[in-house]
Amino acid sequence: MSVTRTWATARRVLTQLRHDPRTIALLLVMPCVLQSLLWGVLGQNAFNRAGPLLLGLFPFTTLFVVTSVATLRERTSGTLERLLTTPLAKVELLGGYGIAFALAGVVQALAVCALTFGPLGLHVAGNPAVLVALVVLDALLGMALGLFVSAFATTEFQAVQFLPAVVLPQVLLCGLLAPRAGMAEGLRWLSNVLPLSYATDALNRVAQSATWNADLVVDIVVVVGVVLLALVLGALTLRRQTA
């Protein structure tokens, strides 16, 4: 694996993102606007309860959309096929995409967290730095899933259609709207296999307690494992010839 070729790919993707004002607005502005609206609607006390959970939801969702659409655009335009005819290896190509979107996710997470812990005055029982790291991990989860599902769409419209198919069920079952323990057995079982459930549980544990425990470690390990698995599966979908 060549670090030079991997970083060159990442720089190319970052340059494309930098020259797309709408994508920048979606990544940096919209999560801050939505978090501000939530603060205005709920008030400070309720915001302190719900804010930490939604803090990870917005980066997860926006990175999923941006990554899936941007990667599909590369596939349908023939860019990926041309790149794969060069000495660039699949792992280098996917690594470049992963680095680029991961950096975008870090910037997004830091922006929304700075607003939330600053002007919006969010208070949590745990370490805010740990919560920020978990928000970054949620953004990476959205990025990895977006890279993976882009292989199953042929148009940008189809890529966006994966939002209700992949993201919304996880939002409904992750424990954000209702505790998972109180769900029907079938729904509870389904929520146990969805990665956003573990990401939400981790955010909730840090928001409510300053103590690390085995459950928090398990949540983090599961999310990291899903990110890596999605990236591996994404690499397997890269073809040297477009179908």
C-alpha atoms as a PDB file:
ATOM      1  CA  MET A   1       0.000   0.000   0.000  1.00  0.00           C
ATOM      2  CA  SER A   2       1.395   3.401  -1.042  1.00  0.00           C
ATOM      3  CA  VAL A   3       0.795   6.234   1.404  1.00  0.00           C
ATOM      4  CA  THR A   4       1.551   8.735  -1.365  1.00  0.00           C
ATOM      5  CA  ARG A   5      -1.140   7.390  -3.706  1.00  0.00           C
ATOM      6  CA  THR A   6      -3.637   7.076  -0.860  1.00  0.00           C
ATOM      7  CA  TRP A   7      -3.087  10.670   0.251  1.00  0.00           C
ATOM      8  CA  ALA A   8      -3.248  11.881  -3.377  1.00  0.00           C
ATOM      9  CA  THR A   9      -6.703  10.324  -3.667  1.00  0.00           C
ATOM     10  CA  ALA A  10      -7.772  11.920  -0.405  1.00  0.00           C
ATOM     11  CA  ARG A  11      -6.538  15.338  -1.570  1.00  0.00           C
ATOM     12  CA  ARG A  12      -8.471  15.022  -4.830  1.00  0.00           C
ATOM     13  CA  VAL A  13     -11.723  14.199  -3.022  1.00  0.00           C
ATOM     14  CA  LEU A  14     -11.186  16.993  -0.484  1.00  0.00           C
ATOM     15  CA  THR A  15     -10.585  19.452  -3.322  1.00  0.00           C
ATOM     16  CA  GLN A  16     -13.869  18.415  -4.931  1.00  0.00           C
ATOM     17  CA  LEU A  17     -15.702  18.866  -1.635  1.00  0.00           C
ATOM     18  CA  ARG A  18     -14.083  22.264  -1.063  1.00  0.00           C
ATOM     19  CA  HIS A  19     -15.363  23.524  -4.407  1.00  0.00           C
ATOM     20  CA  ASP A  20     -18.939  22.393  -3.726  1.00  0.00           C
ATOM     21  CA  PRO A  21     -20.656  25.080  -1.596  1.00  0.00           C
ATOM     22  CA  ARG A  22     -23.854  23.069  -1.223  1.00  0.00           C
ATOM     23  CA  THR A  23     -21.993  20.103   0.216  1.00  0.00           C
ATOM     24  CA  ILE A  24     -20.089  22.359   2.597  1.00  0.00           C
ATOM     25  CA  ALA A  25     -23.373  23.891   3.734  1.00  0.00           C
ATOM     26  CA  LEU A  26     -24.879  20.445   4.269  1.00  0.00           C
ATOM     27  CA  LEU A  27     -21.868  19.278   6.261  1.00  0.00           C
ATOM     28  CA  LEU A  28     -21.160  22.339   8.395  1.00  0.00           C
ATOM     29  CA  VAL A  29     -24.202  24.597   8.452  1.00  0.00           C
ATOM     30  CA  MET A  30     -27.210  22.286   8.576  1.00  0.00           C
ATOM     31  CA  PRO A  31     -26.205  20.287  11.698  1.00  0.00           C
ATOM     32  CA  CYS A  32     -25.594  23.546  13.564  1.00  0.00           C
ATOM     33  CA  VAL A  33     -28.919  24.975  12.402  1.00  0.00           C
ATOM     34  CA  LEU A  34     -30.796  21.824  13.411  1.00  0.00           C
ATOM     35  CA  GLN A  35     -29.108  21.686  16.810  1.00  0.00           C
ATOM     36  CA  SER A  36     -29.981  25.363  17.375  1.00  0.00           C
ATOM     37  CA  LEU A  37     -33.605  24.706  16.430  1.00  0.00           C
ATOM     38  CA  LEU A  38     -33.697  21.801  18.849  1.00  0.00           C
ATOM     39  CA  TRP A  39     -32.360  24.032  21.633  1.00  0.00           C
ATOM     40  CA  GLY A  40     -34.995  26.667  20.866  1.00  0.00           C
ATOM     41  CA  VAL A  41     -37.847  24.153  20.793  1.00  0.00           C
ATOM     42  CA  LEU A  42     -36.934  22.117  23.871  1.00  0.00           C
ATOM     43  CA  GLY A  43     -35.476  24.687  26.219  1.00  0.00           C
ATOM     44  CA  GLN A  44     -32.251  24.242  28.184  1.00  0.00           C
ATOM     45  CA  ASN A  45     -33.315  21.489  30.602  1.00  0.00           C
ATOM     46  CA  ALA A  46     -34.826  19.205  27.965  1.00  0.00           C
ATOM     47  CA  PHE A  47     -31.976  20.034  25.597  1.00  0.00           C
ATOM     48  CA  ASN A  48     -29.459  18.771  28.155  1.00  0.00           C
ATOM     49  CA  ARG A  49     -31.247  15.403  28.036  1.00  0.00           C
ATOM     50  CA  ALA A  50     -31.861  15.058  24.293  1.00  0.00           C
ATOM     51  CA  GLY A  51     -28.967  17.122  22.917  1.00  0.00           C
ATOM     52  CA  PRO A  52     -26.166  14.579  23.447  1.00  0.00           C
ATOM     53  CA  LEU A  53     -28.058  11.879  21.561  1.00  0.00           C
ATOM     54  CA  LEU A  54     -28.934  14.089  18.604  1.00  0.00           C
ATOM     55  CA  LEU A  55     -25.387  15.427  18.610  1.00  0.00           C
ATOM     56  CA  GLY A  56     -24.263  12.183  16.987  1.00  0.00           C
ATOM     57  CA  LEU A  57     -27.328  11.732  14.781  1.00  0.00           C
ATOM     58  CA  PHE A  58     -26.811  14.785  12.581  1.00  0.00           C
ATOM     59  CA  PRO A  59     -23.194  13.993  11.538  1.00  0.00           C
ATOM     60  CA  PHE A  60     -24.138  10.347  11.013  1.00  0.00           C
ATOM     61  CA  THR A  61     -26.987  11.253   8.662  1.00  0.00           C
ATOM     62  CA  THR A  62     -25.290  13.992   6.669  1.00  0.00           C
ATOM     63  CA  LEU A  63     -22.062  12.007   6.178  1.00  0.00           C
ATOM     64  CA  PHE A  64     -24.111   9.044   4.981  1.00  0.00           C
ATOM     65  CA  VAL A  65     -25.844  11.168   2.332  1.00  0.00           C
ATOM     66  CA  VAL A  66     -22.755  13.076   1.189  1.00  0.00           C
ATOM     67  CA  THR A  67     -20.535   9.990   1.035  1.00  0.00           C
ATOM     68  CA  SER A  68     -23.025   7.772  -0.795  1.00  0.00           C
ATOM     69  CA  VAL A  69     -23.868  10.426  -3.397  1.00  0.00           C
ATOM     70  CA  ALA A  70     -20.271  11.573  -3.932  1.00  0.00           C
ATOM     71  CA  THR A  71     -18.957   8.023  -4.294  1.00  0.00           C
ATOM     72  CA  LEU A  72     -21.762   7.073  -6.671  1.00  0.00           C
ATOM     73  CA  ARG A  73     -20.940  10.129  -8.775  1.00  0.00           C
ATOM     74  CA  GLU A  74     -17.372   8.829  -9.048  1.00  0.00           C
ATOM     75  CA  ARG A  75     -18.673   5.423 -10.131  1.00  0.00           C
ATOM     76  CA  THR A  76     -21.176   6.641 -12.724  1.00  0.00           C
ATOM     77  CA  SER A  77     -18.836   9.245 -14.215  1.00  0.00           C
ATOM     78  CA  GLY A  78     -16.253   6.569 -14.935  1.00  0.00           C
ATOM     79  CA  THR A  79     -13.686   8.097 -12.585  1.00  0.00           C
ATOM     80  CA  LEU A  80     -13.392   4.964 -10.480  1.00  0.00           C
ATOM     81  CA  GLU A  81     -13.037   2.746 -13.538  1.00  0.00           C
ATOM     82  CA  ARG A  82     -10.255   4.941 -14.942  1.00  0.00           C
ATOM     83  CA  LEU A  83      -8.455   5.048 -11.601  1.00  0.00           C
ATOM     84  CA  LEU A  84      -8.595   1.278 -11.258  1.00  0.00           C
ATOM     85  CA  THR A  85      -6.792   0.880 -14.592  1.00  0.00           C
ATOM     86  CA  THR A  86      -3.781   2.649 -13.030  1.00  0.00           C
ATOM     87  CA  PRO A  87      -1.350   1.129 -10.501  1.00  0.00           C
ATOM     88  CA  LEU A  88      -3.643   2.489  -7.765  1.00  0.00           C
ATOM     89  CA  ALA A  89      -4.759  -0.469  -5.624  1.00  0.00           C
ATOM     90  CA  LYS A  90      -8.308  -0.861  -4.357  1.00  0.00           C
ATOM     91  CA  VAL A  91      -7.198  -0.506  -0.751  1.00  0.00           C
ATOM     92  CA  GLU A  92      -5.359   2.723  -1.629  1.00  0.00           C
ATOM     93  CA  LEU A  93      -8.387   4.089  -3.455  1.00  0.00           C
ATOM     94  CA  LEU A  94     -10.813   3.269  -0.680  1.00  0.00           C
ATOM     95  CA  GLY A  95      -8.312   4.468   1.905  1.00  0.00           C
ATOM     96  CA  GLY A  96      -8.146   7.824   0.135  1.00  0.00           C
ATOM     97  CA  TYR A  97     -11.919   8.146   0.092  1.00  0.00           C
ATOM     98  CA  GLY A  98     -12.096   7.083   3.720  1.00  0.00           C
ATOM     99  CA  ILE A  99      -9.478   9.624   4.813  1.00  0.00           C
ATOM    100  CA  ALA A 100     -11.134  12.462   2.887  1.00  0.00           C
ATOM    101  CA  PHE A 101     -14.634  11.859   4.192  1.00  0.00           C
ATOM    102  CA  ALA A 102     -13.322  11.072   7.673  1.00  0.00           C
ATOM    103  CA  LEU A 103     -11.575  14.460   7.789  1.00  0.00           C
ATOM    104  CA  ALA A 104     -14.789  16.099   6.627  1.00  0.00           C
ATOM    105  CA  GLY A 105     -16.619  14.259   9.393  1.00  0.00           C
ATOM    106  CA  VAL A 106     -14.114  15.418  12.006  1.00  0.00           C
ATOM    107  CA  VAL A 107     -14.519  19.055  10.955  1.00  0.00           C
ATOM    108  CA  GLN A 108     -18.296  18.695  10.981  1.00  0.00           C
ATOM    109  CA  ALA A 109     -18.347  17.045  14.403  1.00  0.00           C
ATOM    110  CA  LEU A 110     -16.038  19.677  15.892  1.00  0.00           C
ATOM    111  CA  ALA A 111     -18.196  22.489  14.483  1.00  0.00           C
ATOM    112  CA  VAL A 112     -21.482  21.183  15.848  1.00  0.00           C
ATOM    113  CA  CYS A 113     -19.908  20.255  19.193  1.00  0.00           C
ATOM    114  CA  ALA A 114     -18.330  23.709  19.552  1.00  0.00           C
ATOM    115  CA  LEU A 115     -21.744  25.289  19.049  1.00  0.00           C
ATOM    116  CA  THR A 116     -23.509  22.830  21.350  1.00  0.00           C
ATOM    117  CA  PHE A 117     -21.095  23.041  24.274  1.00  0.00           C
ATOM    118  CA  GLY A 118     -20.476  26.752  23.723  1.00  0.00           C
ATOM    119  CA  PRO A 119     -23.367  29.097  22.900  1.00  0.00           C
ATOM    120  CA  LEU A 120     -26.062  26.453  23.439  1.00  0.00           C
ATOM    121  CA  GLY A 121     -24.660  25.567  26.872  1.00  0.00           C
ATOM    122  CA  LEU A 122     -25.012  21.788  26.828  1.00  0.00           C
ATOM    123  CA  HIS A 123     -23.992  20.146  30.118  1.00  0.00           C
ATOM    124  CA  VAL A 124     -23.181  16.435  30.463  1.00  0.00           C
ATOM    125  CA  ALA A 125     -22.091  14.338  33.431  1.00  0.00           C
ATOM    126  CA  GLY A 126     -19.195  12.762  31.564  1.00  0.00           C
ATOM    127  CA  ASN A 127     -16.139  14.210  29.903  1.00  0.00           C
ATOM    128  CA  PRO A 128     -17.165  16.476  26.965  1.00  0.00           C
ATOM    129  CA  ALA A 129     -14.001  15.440  25.090  1.00  0.00           C
ATOM    130  CA  VAL A 130     -15.154  11.799  25.158  1.00  0.00           C
ATOM    131  CA  LEU A 131     -18.560  12.857  23.869  1.00  0.00           C
ATOM    132  CA  VAL A 132     -16.907  14.789  21.039  1.00  0.00           C
ATOM    133  CA  ALA A 133     -14.850  11.694  20.144  1.00  0.00           C
ATOM    134  CA  LEU A 134     -18.038   9.625  20.022  1.00  0.00           C
ATOM    135  CA  VAL A 135     -19.676  12.178  17.732  1.00  0.00           C
ATOM    136  CA  VAL A 136     -16.677  11.867  15.400  1.00  0.00           C
ATOM    137  CA  LEU A 137     -17.086   8.081  15.526  1.00  0.00           C
ATOM    138  CA  ASP A 138     -20.770   8.465  14.583  1.00  0.00           C
ATOM    139  CA  ALA A 139     -19.729  10.586  11.605  1.00  0.00           C
ATOM    140  CA  LEU A 140     -17.272   7.857  10.566  1.00  0.00           C
ATOM    141  CA  LEU A 141     -20.059   5.287  10.856  1.00  0.00           C
ATOM    142  CA  GLY A 142     -22.235   7.307   8.494  1.00  0.00           C
ATOM    143  CA  MET A 143     -19.288   7.696   6.122  1.00  0.00           C
ATOM    144  CA  ALA A 144     -18.505   3.958   6.063  1.00  0.00           C
ATOM    145  CA  LEU A 145     -22.131   2.944   5.501  1.00  0.00           C
ATOM    146  CA  GLY A 146     -22.443   5.550   2.747  1.00  0.00           C
ATOM    147  CA  LEU A 147     -19.394   4.162   0.961  1.00  0.00           C
ATOM    148  CA  PHE A 148     -20.827   0.664   1.167  1.00  0.00           C
ATOM    149  CA  VAL A 149     -24.400   1.340   0.000  1.00  0.00           C
ATOM    150  CA  SER A 150     -23.257   3.495  -2.918  1.00  0.00           C
ATOM    151  CA  ALA A 151     -22.390   0.242  -4.714  1.00  0.00           C
ATOM    152  CA  PHE A 152     -26.078  -0.714  -4.855  1.00  0.00           C
ATOM    153  CA  ALA A 153     -27.327   2.473  -6.548  1.00  0.00           C
ATOM    154  CA  THR A 154     -27.063   3.483 -10.192  1.00  0.00           C
ATOM    155  CA  THR A 155     -28.258   7.095  -9.877  1.00  0.00           C
ATOM    156  CA  GLU A 156     -27.887   9.815  -7.263  1.00  0.00           C
ATOM    157  CA  PHE A 157     -31.630   9.644  -6.660  1.00  0.00           C
ATOM    158  CA  GLN A 158     -31.327   5.963  -5.791  1.00  0.00           C
ATOM    159  CA  ALA A 159     -28.456   6.770  -3.429  1.00  0.00           C
ATOM    160  CA  VAL A 160     -30.660   9.255  -1.573  1.00  0.00           C
ATOM    161  CA  GLN A 161     -33.402   6.618  -1.399  1.00  0.00           C
ATOM    162  CA  PHE A 162     -31.151   4.582   0.887  1.00  0.00           C
ATOM    163  CA  LEU A 163     -31.654   7.272   3.533  1.00  0.00           C
ATOM    164  CA  PRO A 164     -35.127   6.021   4.571  1.00  0.00           C
ATOM    165  CA  ALA A 165     -34.074   2.411   3.989  1.00  0.00           C
ATOM    166  CA  VAL A 166     -30.840   2.431   5.988  1.00  0.00           C
ATOM    167  CA  VAL A 167     -30.874   5.472   8.271  1.00  0.00           C
ATOM    168  CA  LEU A 168     -34.487   5.979   9.378  1.00  0.00           C
ATOM    169  CA  PRO A 169     -35.042   2.440  10.774  1.00  0.00           C
ATOM    170  CA  GLN A 170     -31.903   2.903  12.867  1.00  0.00           C
ATOM    171  CA  VAL A 171     -33.120   6.291  14.108  1.00  0.00           C
ATOM    172  CA  LEU A 172     -36.481   4.809  15.126  1.00  0.00           C
ATOM    173  CA  LEU A 173     -34.968   1.789  16.887  1.00  0.00           C
ATOM    174  CA  CYS A 174     -31.758   3.189  18.396  1.00  0.00           C
ATOM    175  CA  GLY A 175     -33.416   4.327  21.625  1.00  0.00           C
ATOM    176  CA  LEU A 176     -33.633   7.977  20.683  1.00  0.00           C
ATOM    177  CA  LEU A 177     -37.433   8.116  20.658  1.00  0.00           C
ATOM    178  CA  ALA A 178     -38.158   5.400  23.215  1.00  0.00           C
ATOM    179  CA  PRO A 179     -35.999   3.203  25.488  1.00  0.00           C
ATOM    180  CA  ARG A 180     -34.969   0.017  23.729  1.00  0.00           C
ATOM    181  CA  ALA A 181     -35.662  -2.026  26.834  1.00  0.00           C
ATOM    182  CA  GLY A 182     -39.370  -1.205  26.559  1.00  0.00           C
ATOM    183  CA  MET A 183     -39.733  -2.227  22.909  1.00  0.00           C
ATOM    184  CA  ALA A 184     -41.498  -5.367  21.737  1.00  0.00           C
ATOM    185  CA  GLU A 185     -39.200  -8.377  21.631  1.00  0.00           C
ATOM    186  CA  GLY A 186     -38.895  -8.421  17.851  1.00  0.00           C
ATOM    187  CA  LEU A 187     -38.086  -4.720  17.651  1.00  0.00           C
ATOM    188  CA  ARG A 188     -35.651  -5.019  20.534  1.00  0.00           C
ATOM    189  CA  TRP A 189     -33.859  -7.877  18.769  1.00  0.00           C
ATOM    190  CA  LEU A 190     -33.687  -5.830  15.560  1.00  0.00           C
ATOM    191  CA  SER A 191     -32.325  -2.810  17.419  1.00  0.00           C
ATOM    192  CA  ASN A 192     -29.580  -5.016  18.860  1.00  0.00           C
ATOM    193  CA  VAL A 193     -28.138  -5.662  15.392  1.00  0.00           C
ATOM    194  CA  LEU A 194     -28.195  -2.029  14.234  1.00  0.00           C
ATOM    195  CA  PRO A 195     -24.940  -0.106  14.762  1.00  0.00           C
ATOM    196  CA  LEU A 196     -26.616   3.232  15.532  1.00  0.00           C
ATOM    197  CA  SER A 197     -28.144   1.626  18.645  1.00  0.00           C
ATOM    198  CA  TYR A 198     -24.675   1.104  20.099  1.00  0.00           C
ATOM    199  CA  ALA A 199     -23.547   4.579  19.050  1.00  0.00           C
ATOM    200  CA  THR A 200     -26.580   6.099  20.789  1.00  0.00           C
ATOM    201  CA  ASP A 201     -26.055   3.974  23.899  1.00  0.00           C
ATOM    202  CA  ALA A 202     -22.444   5.163  24.104  1.00  0.00           C
ATOM    203  CA  LEU A 203     -23.487   8.824  23.863  1.00  0.00           C
ATOM    204  CA  ASN A 204     -26.153   8.275  26.500  1.00  0.00           C
ATOM    205  CA  ARG A 205     -23.713   6.601  28.908  1.00  0.00           C
ATOM    206  CA  VAL A 206     -21.207   9.455  28.648  1.00  0.00           C
ATOM    207  CA  ALA A 207     -23.951  12.064  28.999  1.00  0.00           C
ATOM    208  CA  GLN A 208     -25.261  10.474  32.198  1.00  0.00           C
ATOM    209  CA  SER A 209     -22.082   9.282  33.905  1.00  0.00           C
ATOM    210  CA  ALA A 210     -18.434  10.222  34.181  1.00  0.00           C
ATOM    211  CA  THR A 211     -17.437   6.591  34.810  1.00  0.00           C
ATOM    212  CA  TRP A 212     -16.188   4.255  32.109  1.00  0.00           C
ATOM    213  CA  ASN A 213     -17.632   0.765  32.235  1.00  0.00           C
ATOM    214  CA  ALA A 214     -17.597  -2.448  30.218  1.00  0.00           C
ATOM    215  CA  ASP A 215     -20.870  -1.584  28.448  1.00  0.00           C
ATOM    216  CA  LEU A 216     -19.400   1.652  27.084  1.00  0.00           C
ATOM    217  CA  VAL A 217     -16.322  -0.192  25.832  1.00  0.00           C
ATOM    218  CA  VAL A 218     -18.523  -2.789  24.114  1.00  0.00           C
ATOM    219  CA  ASP A 219     -20.563  -0.052  22.426  1.00  0.00           C
ATOM    220  CA  ILE A 220     -17.421   1.609  21.082  1.00  0.00           C
ATOM    221  CA  VAL A 221     -15.897  -1.678  19.909  1.00  0.00           C
ATOM    222  CA  VAL A 222     -19.098  -2.626  18.055  1.00  0.00           C
ATOM    223  CA  VAL A 223     -19.280   0.725  16.248  1.00  0.00           C
ATOM    224  CA  VAL A 224     -15.589   0.623  15.301  1.00  0.00           C
ATOM    225  CA  GLY A 225     -16.047  -2.954  14.080  1.00  0.00           C
ATOM    226  CA  VAL A 226     -18.997  -1.983  11.875  1.00  0.00           C
ATOM    227  CA  VAL A 227     -17.017   0.926  10.419  1.00  0.00           C
ATOM    228  CA  LEU A 228     -14.139  -1.384   9.492  1.00  0.00           C
ATOM    229  CA  LEU A 229     -16.485  -4.069   8.145  1.00  0.00           C
ATOM    230  CA  ALA A 230     -18.345  -1.569   5.970  1.00  0.00           C
ATOM    231  CA  LEU A 231     -15.054  -0.283   4.562  1.00  0.00           C
ATOM    232  CA  VAL A 232     -13.912  -3.825   3.753  1.00  0.00           C
ATOM    233  CA  LEU A 233     -17.224  -4.626   2.062  1.00  0.00           C
ATOM    234  CA  GLY A 234     -16.990  -1.334   0.194  1.00  0.00           C
ATOM    235  CA  ALA A 235     -13.579  -2.366  -1.139  1.00  0.00           C
ATOM    236  CA  LEU A 236     -15.018  -5.653  -2.367  1.00  0.00           C
ATOM    237  CA  THR A 237     -17.641  -3.783  -4.423  1.00  0.00           C
ATOM    238  CA  LEU A 238     -15.021  -1.847  -6.369  1.00  0.00           C
ATOM    239  CA  ARG A 239     -14.881  -3.266  -9.887  1.00  0.00           C
ATOM    240  CA  ARG A 240     -12.313  -2.607 -12.585  1.00  0.00           C
ATOM    241  CA  GLN A 241     -15.053  -2.582 -15.190  1.00  0.00           C
ATOM    242  CA  THR A 242     -18.436  -0.905 -14.822  1.00  0.00           C
ATOM    243  CA  ALA A 243     -21.342  -3.305 -15.150  1.00  0.00           C
END
